[in-house]
């Protein structure tokens, strides 16, 4: 099944386009209703162990979305159900990789903000278990939520999450040392107020 084939069927959609990627694929006859039921079962299986905000429906819809936008193309001869199941498996693995990377970087971020980290975790530790990694990813998401309307803080978070030094962050985002230090102190005050530290919920 080629991307051109998908585009051809997109032209045949009714004026009222389905709202979700899965419904869209169903309208395109990429899958049948029975296929969709099977895929829902697979999605529930792969969603186990992921945090509550990442539900099985998220895995399912993201898999369909990647097929529909052409970023994931099914090889010739592979059944669509098997292919989409593989995409969901990859999405799950991708989420755990992000969680491990976040868990390895968070102690460095807290140290830079002069907040106490978890003494049981060393920066760059690659032996973190999935549960702790996911917990850390959730904590990072909460930190980003707190600073959602603070562009400078988000830039520092992004840089520290990537393992950059303060100097690299300032160069990357054209930030003066005064601006960086002022933002860092503001972040520290906010996080202390919220009680967000490693090992605390």
N, C-alpha and C. Protein backbone atom coordinates (compact mmCIF):
# COMPACT_ATOMS: atom_id res chain seq x y z
N UNK A 1 0.84 -1.18 0.00
CA UNK A 1 0.00 0.00 0.00
C UNK A 1 0.89 1.24 0.00
N UNK A 2 0.75 2.11 -0.95
CA UNK A 2 1.63 3.26 -1.09
C UNK A 2 0.96 4.52 -0.58
N UNK A 3 1.80 5.54 -0.37
CA UNK A 3 1.30 6.84 0.06
C UNK A 3 0.38 7.42 -1.00
N UNK A 4 0.70 7.16 -2.28
CA UNK A 4 -0.15 7.65 -3.37
C UNK A 4 -1.55 7.04 -3.28
N UNK A 5 -1.58 5.76 -2.87
CA UNK A 5 -2.88 5.08 -2.73
C UNK A 5 -3.71 5.75 -1.65
N UNK A 6 -3.06 6.12 -0.54
CA UNK A 6 -3.77 6.80 0.55
C UNK A 6 -4.28 8.15 0.09
N UNK A 7 -3.44 8.90 -0.64
CA UNK A 7 -3.86 10.20 -1.13
C UNK A 7 -5.04 10.09 -2.08
N UNK A 8 -5.04 9.04 -2.89
CA UNK A 8 -6.14 8.81 -3.81
C UNK A 8 -7.46 8.64 -3.05
N UNK A 9 -7.39 7.87 -1.95
CA UNK A 9 -8.61 7.65 -1.17
C UNK A 9 -9.01 8.88 -0.37
N UNK A 10 -8.05 9.73 -0.03
CA UNK A 10 -8.40 10.96 0.65
C UNK A 10 -9.31 11.82 -0.23
N UNK A 11 -9.08 11.77 -1.52
CA UNK A 11 -9.89 12.54 -2.46
C UNK A 11 -11.34 12.05 -2.49
N UNK A 12 -11.56 10.81 -2.02
CA UNK A 12 -12.89 10.21 -2.09
C UNK A 12 -13.66 10.35 -0.78
N UNK A 13 -13.07 11.04 0.19
CA UNK A 13 -13.76 11.19 1.47
C UNK A 13 -15.02 12.05 1.31
N UNK A 14 -16.06 11.77 2.10
CA UNK A 14 -17.25 12.61 2.08
C UNK A 14 -16.93 14.00 2.61
N UNK A 15 -17.77 15.00 2.32
CA UNK A 15 -17.52 16.37 2.78
C UNK A 15 -17.30 16.46 4.28
N UNK A 16 -18.05 15.64 5.05
CA UNK A 16 -17.91 15.66 6.51
C UNK A 16 -16.81 14.67 6.90
N UNK A 17 -15.61 15.19 7.14
CA UNK A 17 -14.46 14.34 7.43
C UNK A 17 -14.54 13.83 8.88
N UNK A 18 -14.27 12.53 9.11
CA UNK A 18 -14.29 11.99 10.46
C UNK A 18 -13.32 12.73 11.37
N UNK A 19 -13.64 12.78 12.65
CA UNK A 19 -12.88 13.61 13.58
C UNK A 19 -11.57 12.98 14.02
N UNK A 20 -11.49 11.68 14.18
CA UNK A 20 -10.27 11.06 14.69
C UNK A 20 -9.52 10.35 13.57
N UNK A 21 -8.20 10.18 13.74
CA UNK A 21 -7.43 9.44 12.74
C UNK A 21 -7.96 8.03 12.50
N UNK A 22 -8.39 7.36 13.58
CA UNK A 22 -8.92 6.00 13.43
C UNK A 22 -10.20 6.00 12.59
N UNK A 23 -11.09 6.94 12.87
CA UNK A 23 -12.33 7.04 12.09
C UNK A 23 -12.02 7.42 10.64
N UNK A 24 -11.01 8.24 10.49
CA UNK A 24 -10.57 8.64 9.16
C UNK A 24 -10.10 7.41 8.37
N UNK A 25 -9.28 6.59 9.01
CA UNK A 25 -8.77 5.37 8.36
C UNK A 25 -9.91 4.41 8.03
N UNK A 26 -10.90 4.37 8.91
CA UNK A 26 -12.06 3.50 8.69
C UNK A 26 -12.83 3.98 7.46
N UNK A 27 -12.99 5.30 7.35
CA UNK A 27 -13.70 5.87 6.20
C UNK A 27 -12.94 5.63 4.90
N UNK A 28 -11.61 5.55 5.01
CA UNK A 28 -10.78 5.30 3.83
C UNK A 28 -10.69 3.82 3.47
N UNK A 29 -11.30 2.98 4.31
CA UNK A 29 -11.22 1.52 4.13
C UNK A 29 -9.80 0.99 4.29
N UNK A 30 -8.99 1.72 5.06
CA UNK A 30 -7.65 1.20 5.37
C UNK A 30 -7.76 0.04 6.36
N UNK A 31 -8.78 0.10 7.19
CA UNK A 31 -9.07 -0.98 8.14
C UNK A 31 -10.57 -1.23 8.16
N UNK A 32 -10.94 -2.41 8.65
CA UNK A 32 -12.36 -2.73 8.84
C UNK A 32 -12.74 -2.50 10.30
N UNK A 33 -14.01 -2.59 10.59
CA UNK A 33 -14.45 -2.44 11.98
C UNK A 33 -13.86 -3.54 12.85
N UNK A 34 -13.75 -4.75 12.30
CA UNK A 34 -13.15 -5.86 13.05
C UNK A 34 -11.66 -5.59 13.29
N UNK A 35 -10.98 -5.04 12.28
CA UNK A 35 -9.57 -4.66 12.46
C UNK A 35 -9.43 -3.67 13.60
N UNK A 36 -10.34 -2.71 13.63
CA UNK A 36 -10.28 -1.67 14.64
C UNK A 36 -10.46 -2.25 16.04
N UNK A 37 -11.36 -3.22 16.17
CA UNK A 37 -11.55 -3.88 17.46
C UNK A 37 -10.28 -4.59 17.90
N UNK A 38 -9.62 -5.27 16.97
CA UNK A 38 -8.37 -5.96 17.30
C UNK A 38 -7.30 -4.95 17.72
N UNK A 39 -7.23 -3.86 17.00
CA UNK A 39 -6.22 -2.85 17.30
C UNK A 39 -6.47 -2.18 18.66
N UNK A 40 -7.72 -2.04 19.03
CA UNK A 40 -8.03 -1.48 20.35
C UNK A 40 -7.52 -2.40 21.45
N UNK A 41 -7.64 -3.70 21.25
CA UNK A 41 -7.13 -4.66 22.22
C UNK A 41 -5.60 -4.58 22.33
N UNK A 42 -4.96 -4.45 21.17
CA UNK A 42 -3.50 -4.32 21.14
C UNK A 42 -3.08 -3.03 21.85
N UNK A 43 -3.81 -1.94 21.59
CA UNK A 43 -3.48 -0.66 22.21
C UNK A 43 -3.60 -0.73 23.73
N UNK A 44 -4.62 -1.41 24.22
CA UNK A 44 -4.78 -1.56 25.68
C UNK A 44 -3.61 -2.33 26.28
N UNK A 45 -3.15 -3.32 25.55
CA UNK A 45 -2.02 -4.12 26.02
C UNK A 45 -0.74 -3.27 26.09
N UNK A 46 -0.47 -2.51 25.04
CA UNK A 46 0.76 -1.71 25.00
C UNK A 46 0.71 -0.51 25.93
N UNK A 47 -0.50 -0.08 26.30
CA UNK A 47 -0.62 1.09 27.19
C UNK A 47 -0.36 0.74 28.64
N UNK A 48 -0.31 -0.55 28.96
CA UNK A 48 -0.05 -0.95 30.35
C UNK A 48 1.33 -0.50 30.79
N UNK A 49 1.40 0.11 31.96
CA UNK A 49 2.68 0.57 32.47
C UNK A 49 3.00 2.01 32.11
N UNK A 50 2.23 2.58 31.17
CA UNK A 50 2.42 3.98 30.83
C UNK A 50 1.64 4.84 31.82
N UNK A 51 2.04 6.09 32.02
CA UNK A 51 1.33 6.95 32.98
C UNK A 51 -0.11 7.21 32.53
N UNK A 52 -0.98 7.59 33.47
CA UNK A 52 -2.41 7.78 33.17
C UNK A 52 -2.68 8.73 32.02
N UNK A 53 -1.84 9.78 31.87
CA UNK A 53 -2.13 10.76 30.81
C UNK A 53 -1.85 10.22 29.41
N UNK A 54 -1.20 9.07 29.33
CA UNK A 54 -0.97 8.42 28.03
C UNK A 54 -1.84 7.17 27.96
N UNK A 55 -3.04 7.32 27.47
CA UNK A 55 -3.98 6.22 27.43
C UNK A 55 -3.84 5.38 26.17
N UNK A 56 -4.54 4.25 26.16
CA UNK A 56 -4.48 3.37 24.99
C UNK A 56 -5.03 4.05 23.75
N UNK A 57 -6.00 4.95 23.94
CA UNK A 57 -6.55 5.67 22.78
C UNK A 57 -5.51 6.59 22.16
N UNK A 58 -4.62 7.13 23.00
CA UNK A 58 -3.56 7.99 22.48
C UNK A 58 -2.62 7.20 21.57
N UNK A 59 -2.25 5.99 22.01
CA UNK A 59 -1.39 5.14 21.19
C UNK A 59 -2.07 4.80 19.87
N UNK A 60 -3.34 4.44 19.96
CA UNK A 60 -4.08 4.04 18.77
C UNK A 60 -4.19 5.18 17.77
N UNK A 61 -4.62 6.34 18.25
CA UNK A 61 -4.82 7.48 17.34
C UNK A 61 -3.50 7.98 16.77
N UNK A 62 -2.44 7.96 17.57
CA UNK A 62 -1.14 8.41 17.07
C UNK A 62 -0.63 7.47 15.98
N UNK A 63 -0.85 6.17 16.16
CA UNK A 63 -0.42 5.20 15.15
C UNK A 63 -1.14 5.47 13.83
N UNK A 64 -2.46 5.67 13.89
CA UNK A 64 -3.22 5.97 12.68
C UNK A 64 -2.76 7.29 12.07
N UNK A 65 -2.51 8.29 12.91
CA UNK A 65 -2.10 9.60 12.42
C UNK A 65 -0.80 9.51 11.64
N UNK A 66 0.13 8.69 12.13
CA UNK A 66 1.43 8.59 11.45
C UNK A 66 1.31 7.87 10.10
N UNK A 67 0.36 6.97 10.01
CA UNK A 67 0.13 6.32 8.72
C UNK A 67 -0.54 7.30 7.75
N UNK A 68 -1.51 8.03 8.25
CA UNK A 68 -2.25 8.94 7.38
C UNK A 68 -1.40 10.11 6.89
N UNK A 69 -0.45 10.57 7.73
CA UNK A 69 0.37 11.70 7.28
C UNK A 69 1.60 11.25 6.49
N UNK A 70 1.76 9.94 6.34
CA UNK A 70 2.83 9.41 5.52
C UNK A 70 4.16 9.24 6.22
N UNK A 71 4.23 9.56 7.53
CA UNK A 71 5.50 9.42 8.24
C UNK A 71 5.83 7.96 8.52
N UNK A 72 4.82 7.10 8.54
CA UNK A 72 5.04 5.66 8.63
C UNK A 72 4.31 4.99 7.48
N UNK A 73 5.07 4.33 6.62
CA UNK A 73 4.48 3.72 5.43
C UNK A 73 4.55 2.20 5.54
N UNK A 74 3.39 1.53 5.39
CA UNK A 74 3.38 0.07 5.50
C UNK A 74 4.08 -0.60 4.32
N UNK A 75 4.94 -1.57 4.58
CA UNK A 75 5.58 -2.30 3.49
C UNK A 75 4.57 -3.11 2.70
N UNK A 76 4.89 -3.33 1.46
CA UNK A 76 3.99 -4.09 0.57
C UNK A 76 3.78 -5.49 1.13
N UNK A 77 2.51 -5.89 1.21
CA UNK A 77 2.19 -7.25 1.62
C UNK A 77 1.96 -7.44 3.10
N UNK A 78 2.33 -6.46 3.93
CA UNK A 78 2.12 -6.59 5.38
C UNK A 78 0.71 -6.14 5.74
N UNK A 79 -0.06 -6.98 6.42
CA UNK A 79 -1.43 -6.59 6.80
C UNK A 79 -1.42 -5.32 7.64
N UNK A 80 -2.42 -4.48 7.44
CA UNK A 80 -2.48 -3.20 8.12
C UNK A 80 -2.55 -3.36 9.64
N UNK A 81 -3.27 -4.39 10.11
CA UNK A 81 -3.37 -4.60 11.56
C UNK A 81 -1.99 -4.88 12.16
N UNK A 82 -1.24 -5.74 11.51
CA UNK A 82 0.11 -6.07 12.00
C UNK A 82 1.01 -4.84 11.96
N UNK A 83 0.88 -4.06 10.89
CA UNK A 83 1.72 -2.86 10.77
C UNK A 83 1.40 -1.85 11.86
N UNK A 84 0.11 -1.58 12.08
CA UNK A 84 -0.29 -0.60 13.10
C UNK A 84 0.07 -1.09 14.50
N UNK A 85 0.00 -2.39 14.72
CA UNK A 85 0.42 -2.93 16.01
C UNK A 85 1.91 -2.66 16.23
N UNK A 86 2.68 -2.80 15.17
CA UNK A 86 4.11 -2.50 15.25
C UNK A 86 4.38 -1.04 15.52
N UNK A 87 3.58 -0.15 14.92
CA UNK A 87 3.73 1.28 15.15
C UNK A 87 3.45 1.60 16.62
N UNK A 88 2.41 1.00 17.17
CA UNK A 88 2.09 1.24 18.58
C UNK A 88 3.19 0.72 19.50
N UNK A 89 3.76 -0.41 19.15
CA UNK A 89 4.88 -0.95 19.93
C UNK A 89 6.06 0.02 19.90
N UNK A 90 6.31 0.61 18.73
CA UNK A 90 7.40 1.58 18.59
C UNK A 90 7.11 2.85 19.40
N UNK A 91 5.86 3.28 19.41
CA UNK A 91 5.49 4.47 20.18
C UNK A 91 5.71 4.23 21.67
N UNK A 92 5.36 3.03 22.13
CA UNK A 92 5.58 2.69 23.54
C UNK A 92 7.07 2.73 23.87
N UNK A 93 7.88 2.12 23.00
CA UNK A 93 9.33 2.10 23.22
C UNK A 93 9.89 3.52 23.20
N UNK A 94 9.36 4.34 22.29
CA UNK A 94 9.81 5.73 22.18
C UNK A 94 9.52 6.50 23.46
N UNK A 95 8.35 6.24 24.06
CA UNK A 95 7.97 6.91 25.30
C UNK A 95 8.93 6.52 26.43
N UNK A 96 9.26 5.23 26.52
CA UNK A 96 10.18 4.78 27.56
C UNK A 96 11.58 5.33 27.35
N UNK A 97 12.00 5.48 26.10
CA UNK A 97 13.31 6.09 25.84
C UNK A 97 13.33 7.53 26.32
N UNK A 98 12.27 8.26 26.05
CA UNK A 98 12.17 9.64 26.52
C UNK A 98 12.18 9.69 28.05
N UNK A 99 11.50 8.73 28.67
CA UNK A 99 11.44 8.70 30.13
C UNK A 99 12.81 8.45 30.72
N UNK A 100 13.56 7.51 30.14
CA UNK A 100 14.91 7.23 30.65
C UNK A 100 15.82 8.43 30.47
N UNK A 101 15.70 9.10 29.32
CA UNK A 101 16.53 10.27 29.06
C UNK A 101 16.20 11.40 30.04
N UNK A 102 14.89 11.58 30.30
CA UNK A 102 14.48 12.62 31.24
C UNK A 102 14.97 12.31 32.65
N UNK A 103 14.87 11.04 33.05
CA UNK A 103 15.31 10.64 34.38
C UNK A 103 16.80 10.86 34.57
N UNK A 104 17.55 10.69 33.49
CA UNK A 104 19.00 10.87 33.56
C UNK A 104 19.38 12.35 33.66
N UNK A 105 18.52 13.23 33.13
CA UNK A 105 18.85 14.65 33.08
C UNK A 105 18.28 15.46 34.25
N UNK A 106 17.22 14.98 34.89
CA UNK A 106 16.55 15.78 35.92
C UNK A 106 17.47 16.14 37.08
N UNK A 107 18.31 15.23 37.59
CA UNK A 107 19.20 15.63 38.70
C UNK A 107 20.08 16.82 38.34
N UNK A 108 20.56 16.87 37.09
CA UNK A 108 21.38 17.99 36.65
C UNK A 108 20.56 19.28 36.66
N UNK A 109 19.30 19.20 36.22
CA UNK A 109 18.45 20.37 36.21
C UNK A 109 18.23 20.89 37.63
N UNK A 110 17.93 19.97 38.55
CA UNK A 110 17.68 20.38 39.93
C UNK A 110 18.93 20.97 40.57
N UNK A 111 20.08 20.40 40.24
CA UNK A 111 21.33 20.92 40.79
C UNK A 111 21.58 22.35 40.29
N UNK A 112 21.31 22.59 39.00
CA UNK A 112 21.51 23.92 38.44
C UNK A 112 20.56 24.93 39.08
N UNK A 113 19.37 24.48 39.46
CA UNK A 113 18.38 25.37 40.10
C UNK A 113 18.56 25.40 41.62
N UNK A 114 19.62 24.71 42.11
CA UNK A 114 19.94 24.67 43.53
C UNK A 114 18.81 24.06 44.34
N UNK A 115 18.26 22.99 43.80
CA UNK A 115 17.24 22.21 44.50
C UNK A 115 17.81 20.84 44.80
N UNK A 116 17.37 20.25 45.90
CA UNK A 116 17.91 18.94 46.30
C UNK A 116 17.41 17.87 45.36
N UNK A 117 18.31 17.03 44.87
CA UNK A 117 17.93 15.90 44.04
C UNK A 117 17.83 14.64 44.87
N UNK A 118 17.41 13.56 44.24
CA UNK A 118 17.34 12.26 44.88
C UNK A 118 18.75 11.70 44.98
N UNK A 119 19.29 11.48 46.19
CA UNK A 119 20.66 11.01 46.31
C UNK A 119 20.87 9.64 45.71
N UNK A 120 19.79 8.92 45.44
CA UNK A 120 19.92 7.58 44.87
C UNK A 120 20.07 7.60 43.36
N UNK A 121 20.02 8.79 42.76
CA UNK A 121 20.10 8.90 41.30
C UNK A 121 21.29 9.76 40.93
N UNK A 122 22.13 9.25 40.10
CA UNK A 122 23.26 10.03 39.59
C UNK A 122 22.92 10.52 38.19
N UNK A 123 23.36 11.72 37.87
CA UNK A 123 23.13 12.24 36.51
C UNK A 123 23.74 11.30 35.49
N UNK A 124 22.95 11.00 34.47
CA UNK A 124 23.44 10.12 33.43
C UNK A 124 23.27 8.65 33.74
N UNK A 125 22.62 8.31 34.84
CA UNK A 125 22.43 6.91 35.22
C UNK A 125 21.54 6.22 34.20
N UNK A 126 21.99 5.13 33.61
CA UNK A 126 21.23 4.42 32.58
C UNK A 126 20.55 3.18 33.14
N UNK A 127 20.61 2.98 34.47
CA UNK A 127 20.06 1.75 35.04
C UNK A 127 18.71 1.98 35.70
N UNK A 128 18.11 3.15 35.49
CA UNK A 128 16.84 3.46 36.12
C UNK A 128 15.75 2.52 35.65
N UNK A 129 14.91 2.09 36.60
CA UNK A 129 13.83 1.19 36.22
C UNK A 129 12.72 1.99 35.55
N UNK A 130 11.86 1.31 34.74
CA UNK A 130 10.82 2.03 33.99
C UNK A 130 9.89 2.84 34.87
N UNK A 131 9.54 2.33 36.05
CA UNK A 131 8.60 3.04 36.92
C UNK A 131 9.19 4.38 37.36
N UNK A 132 10.45 4.37 37.78
CA UNK A 132 11.09 5.61 38.21
C UNK A 132 11.28 6.56 37.02
N UNK A 133 11.62 6.02 35.87
CA UNK A 133 11.80 6.85 34.69
C UNK A 133 10.51 7.57 34.32
N UNK A 134 9.39 6.84 34.34
CA UNK A 134 8.10 7.44 34.01
C UNK A 134 7.70 8.47 35.04
N UNK A 135 7.99 8.20 36.31
CA UNK A 135 7.68 9.16 37.37
C UNK A 135 8.45 10.45 37.14
N UNK A 136 9.70 10.33 36.72
CA UNK A 136 10.52 11.52 36.45
C UNK A 136 9.99 12.29 35.25
N UNK A 137 9.55 11.57 34.21
CA UNK A 137 8.99 12.24 33.04
C UNK A 137 7.73 13.01 33.42
N UNK A 138 6.92 12.45 34.29
CA UNK A 138 5.72 13.13 34.76
C UNK A 138 6.11 14.40 35.53
N UNK A 139 7.17 14.30 36.32
CA UNK A 139 7.61 15.45 37.08
C UNK A 139 8.11 16.56 36.16
N UNK A 140 8.83 16.19 35.12
CA UNK A 140 9.28 17.18 34.15
C UNK A 140 8.09 17.85 33.45
N UNK A 141 7.07 17.05 33.14
CA UNK A 141 5.87 17.61 32.50
C UNK A 141 5.19 18.61 33.43
N UNK A 142 5.18 18.32 34.73
CA UNK A 142 4.58 19.23 35.70
C UNK A 142 5.40 20.52 35.79
N UNK A 143 6.72 20.40 35.74
CA UNK A 143 7.58 21.59 35.77
C UNK A 143 7.31 22.46 34.53
N UNK A 144 7.20 21.81 33.36
CA UNK A 144 6.91 22.56 32.13
C UNK A 144 5.55 23.24 32.21
N UNK A 145 4.59 22.57 32.85
CA UNK A 145 3.26 23.16 33.00
C UNK A 145 3.32 24.43 33.85
N UNK A 146 4.12 24.39 34.91
CA UNK A 146 4.24 25.55 35.79
C UNK A 146 4.79 26.77 35.06
N UNK A 147 5.66 26.52 34.07
CA UNK A 147 6.32 27.63 33.36
C UNK A 147 5.82 27.77 31.92
N UNK A 148 4.61 27.30 31.69
CA UNK A 148 4.05 27.30 30.32
C UNK A 148 4.00 28.70 29.71
N UNK A 149 3.88 29.73 30.56
CA UNK A 149 3.77 31.10 30.06
C UNK A 149 5.04 31.91 30.33
N UNK A 150 6.13 31.20 30.53
CA UNK A 150 7.42 31.84 30.80
C UNK A 150 8.43 31.34 29.76
N UNK A 151 8.53 32.01 28.60
CA UNK A 151 9.39 31.52 27.51
C UNK A 151 10.84 31.29 27.92
N UNK A 152 11.41 32.20 28.72
CA UNK A 152 12.80 32.06 29.13
C UNK A 152 12.99 30.81 30.01
N UNK A 153 12.05 30.58 30.90
CA UNK A 153 12.14 29.39 31.76
C UNK A 153 12.05 28.12 30.93
N UNK A 154 11.17 28.12 29.93
CA UNK A 154 11.04 26.95 29.07
C UNK A 154 12.32 26.69 28.28
N UNK A 155 13.00 27.78 27.89
CA UNK A 155 14.27 27.61 27.18
C UNK A 155 15.32 26.98 28.08
N UNK A 156 15.36 27.40 29.34
CA UNK A 156 16.32 26.82 30.28
C UNK A 156 15.98 25.36 30.53
N UNK A 157 14.70 25.05 30.69
CA UNK A 157 14.27 23.67 30.89
C UNK A 157 14.68 22.81 29.71
N UNK A 158 14.43 23.32 28.50
CA UNK A 158 14.79 22.58 27.29
C UNK A 158 16.29 22.30 27.24
N UNK A 159 17.07 23.34 27.52
CA UNK A 159 18.52 23.20 27.48
C UNK A 159 19.04 22.22 28.51
N UNK A 160 18.57 22.33 29.75
CA UNK A 160 19.03 21.44 30.81
C UNK A 160 18.57 20.01 30.54
N UNK A 161 17.38 19.86 29.95
CA UNK A 161 16.88 18.52 29.61
C UNK A 161 17.76 17.86 28.56
N UNK A 162 18.39 18.68 27.71
CA UNK A 162 19.28 18.16 26.67
C UNK A 162 20.70 17.96 27.19
N UNK A 163 20.93 18.35 28.44
CA UNK A 163 22.25 18.18 29.02
C UNK A 163 23.21 19.32 28.69
N UNK A 164 22.68 20.46 28.25
CA UNK A 164 23.53 21.59 27.91
C UNK A 164 24.01 22.32 29.16
N UNK A 165 25.14 22.96 29.08
CA UNK A 165 25.65 23.78 30.17
C UNK A 165 24.95 25.14 30.14
N UNK A 166 25.01 25.90 31.25
CA UNK A 166 24.40 27.24 31.24
C UNK A 166 24.94 28.11 30.10
N UNK A 167 26.25 28.01 29.84
CA UNK A 167 26.85 28.80 28.76
C UNK A 167 26.26 28.42 27.40
N UNK A 168 26.08 27.13 27.17
CA UNK A 168 25.49 26.68 25.90
C UNK A 168 24.04 27.16 25.76
N UNK A 169 23.31 27.14 26.86
CA UNK A 169 21.91 27.60 26.82
C UNK A 169 21.85 29.09 26.49
N UNK A 170 22.73 29.87 27.10
CA UNK A 170 22.73 31.32 26.84
C UNK A 170 23.06 31.62 25.39
N UNK A 171 24.03 30.90 24.84
CA UNK A 171 24.40 31.11 23.44
C UNK A 171 23.27 30.68 22.52
N UNK A 172 22.70 29.50 22.80
CA UNK A 172 21.64 28.95 21.93
C UNK A 172 20.44 29.87 21.88
N UNK A 173 20.06 30.48 23.01
CA UNK A 173 18.83 31.28 23.06
C UNK A 173 19.11 32.78 23.17
N UNK A 174 20.36 33.17 22.88
CA UNK A 174 20.73 34.59 22.90
C UNK A 174 20.28 35.24 24.21
N UNK A 175 20.75 34.68 25.32
CA UNK A 175 20.33 35.08 26.66
C UNK A 175 21.55 35.64 27.42
N UNK A 176 21.39 36.79 28.00
CA UNK A 176 22.49 37.35 28.78
C UNK A 176 22.64 36.58 30.08
N UNK A 177 23.81 36.72 30.71
CA UNK A 177 24.03 36.04 31.99
C UNK A 177 23.06 36.55 33.04
N UNK A 178 22.80 37.85 33.03
CA UNK A 178 21.85 38.43 33.99
C UNK A 178 20.46 37.86 33.78
N UNK A 179 20.04 37.77 32.53
CA UNK A 179 18.73 37.22 32.19
C UNK A 179 18.64 35.76 32.64
N UNK A 180 19.70 35.00 32.37
CA UNK A 180 19.72 33.59 32.75
C UNK A 180 19.62 33.45 34.27
N UNK A 181 20.45 34.20 35.00
CA UNK A 181 20.47 34.07 36.46
C UNK A 181 19.15 34.52 37.08
N UNK A 182 18.55 35.58 36.52
CA UNK A 182 17.26 36.07 37.03
C UNK A 182 16.17 35.02 36.81
N UNK A 183 16.16 34.42 35.62
CA UNK A 183 15.16 33.40 35.31
C UNK A 183 15.37 32.17 36.19
N UNK A 184 16.62 31.78 36.38
CA UNK A 184 16.92 30.62 37.21
C UNK A 184 16.44 30.81 38.64
N UNK A 185 16.65 32.01 39.20
CA UNK A 185 16.18 32.29 40.57
C UNK A 185 14.66 32.28 40.63
N UNK A 186 14.03 32.82 39.60
CA UNK A 186 12.56 32.82 39.56
C UNK A 186 12.02 31.40 39.51
N UNK A 187 12.66 30.56 38.71
CA UNK A 187 12.24 29.16 38.63
C UNK A 187 12.42 28.45 39.98
N UNK A 188 13.55 28.71 40.61
CA UNK A 188 13.83 28.07 41.90
C UNK A 188 12.77 28.44 42.93
N UNK A 189 12.40 29.72 43.00
CA UNK A 189 11.38 30.17 43.96
C UNK A 189 10.04 29.48 43.69
N UNK A 190 9.69 29.39 42.40
CA UNK A 190 8.41 28.76 42.04
C UNK A 190 8.40 27.29 42.42
N UNK A 191 9.49 26.59 42.12
CA UNK A 191 9.55 25.16 42.40
C UNK A 191 9.58 24.89 43.90
N UNK A 192 10.28 25.73 44.65
CA UNK A 192 10.27 25.57 46.11
C UNK A 192 8.87 25.80 46.68
N UNK A 193 8.19 26.79 46.12
CA UNK A 193 6.83 27.07 46.56
C UNK A 193 5.90 25.89 46.29
N UNK A 194 6.08 25.26 45.14
CA UNK A 194 5.24 24.12 44.75
C UNK A 194 5.70 22.82 45.40
N UNK A 195 6.91 22.82 45.99
CA UNK A 195 7.41 21.62 46.63
C UNK A 195 7.82 20.54 45.65
N UNK A 196 8.22 20.95 44.43
CA UNK A 196 8.59 19.96 43.41
C UNK A 196 10.07 19.64 43.51
N UNK A 197 10.38 18.48 44.08
CA UNK A 197 11.74 18.01 44.16
C UNK A 197 11.76 16.53 43.84
N UNK A 198 12.91 16.02 43.53
CA UNK A 198 13.01 14.60 43.27
C UNK A 198 12.58 13.82 44.48
N UNK A 199 11.75 12.78 44.22
CA UNK A 199 11.32 11.92 45.31
C UNK A 199 10.10 12.42 46.02
N UNK A 200 9.56 13.60 45.60
CA UNK A 200 8.34 14.12 46.23
C UNK A 200 7.28 14.30 45.17
N UNK A 201 6.03 14.10 45.58
CA UNK A 201 4.92 14.28 44.64
C UNK A 201 4.16 15.54 44.98
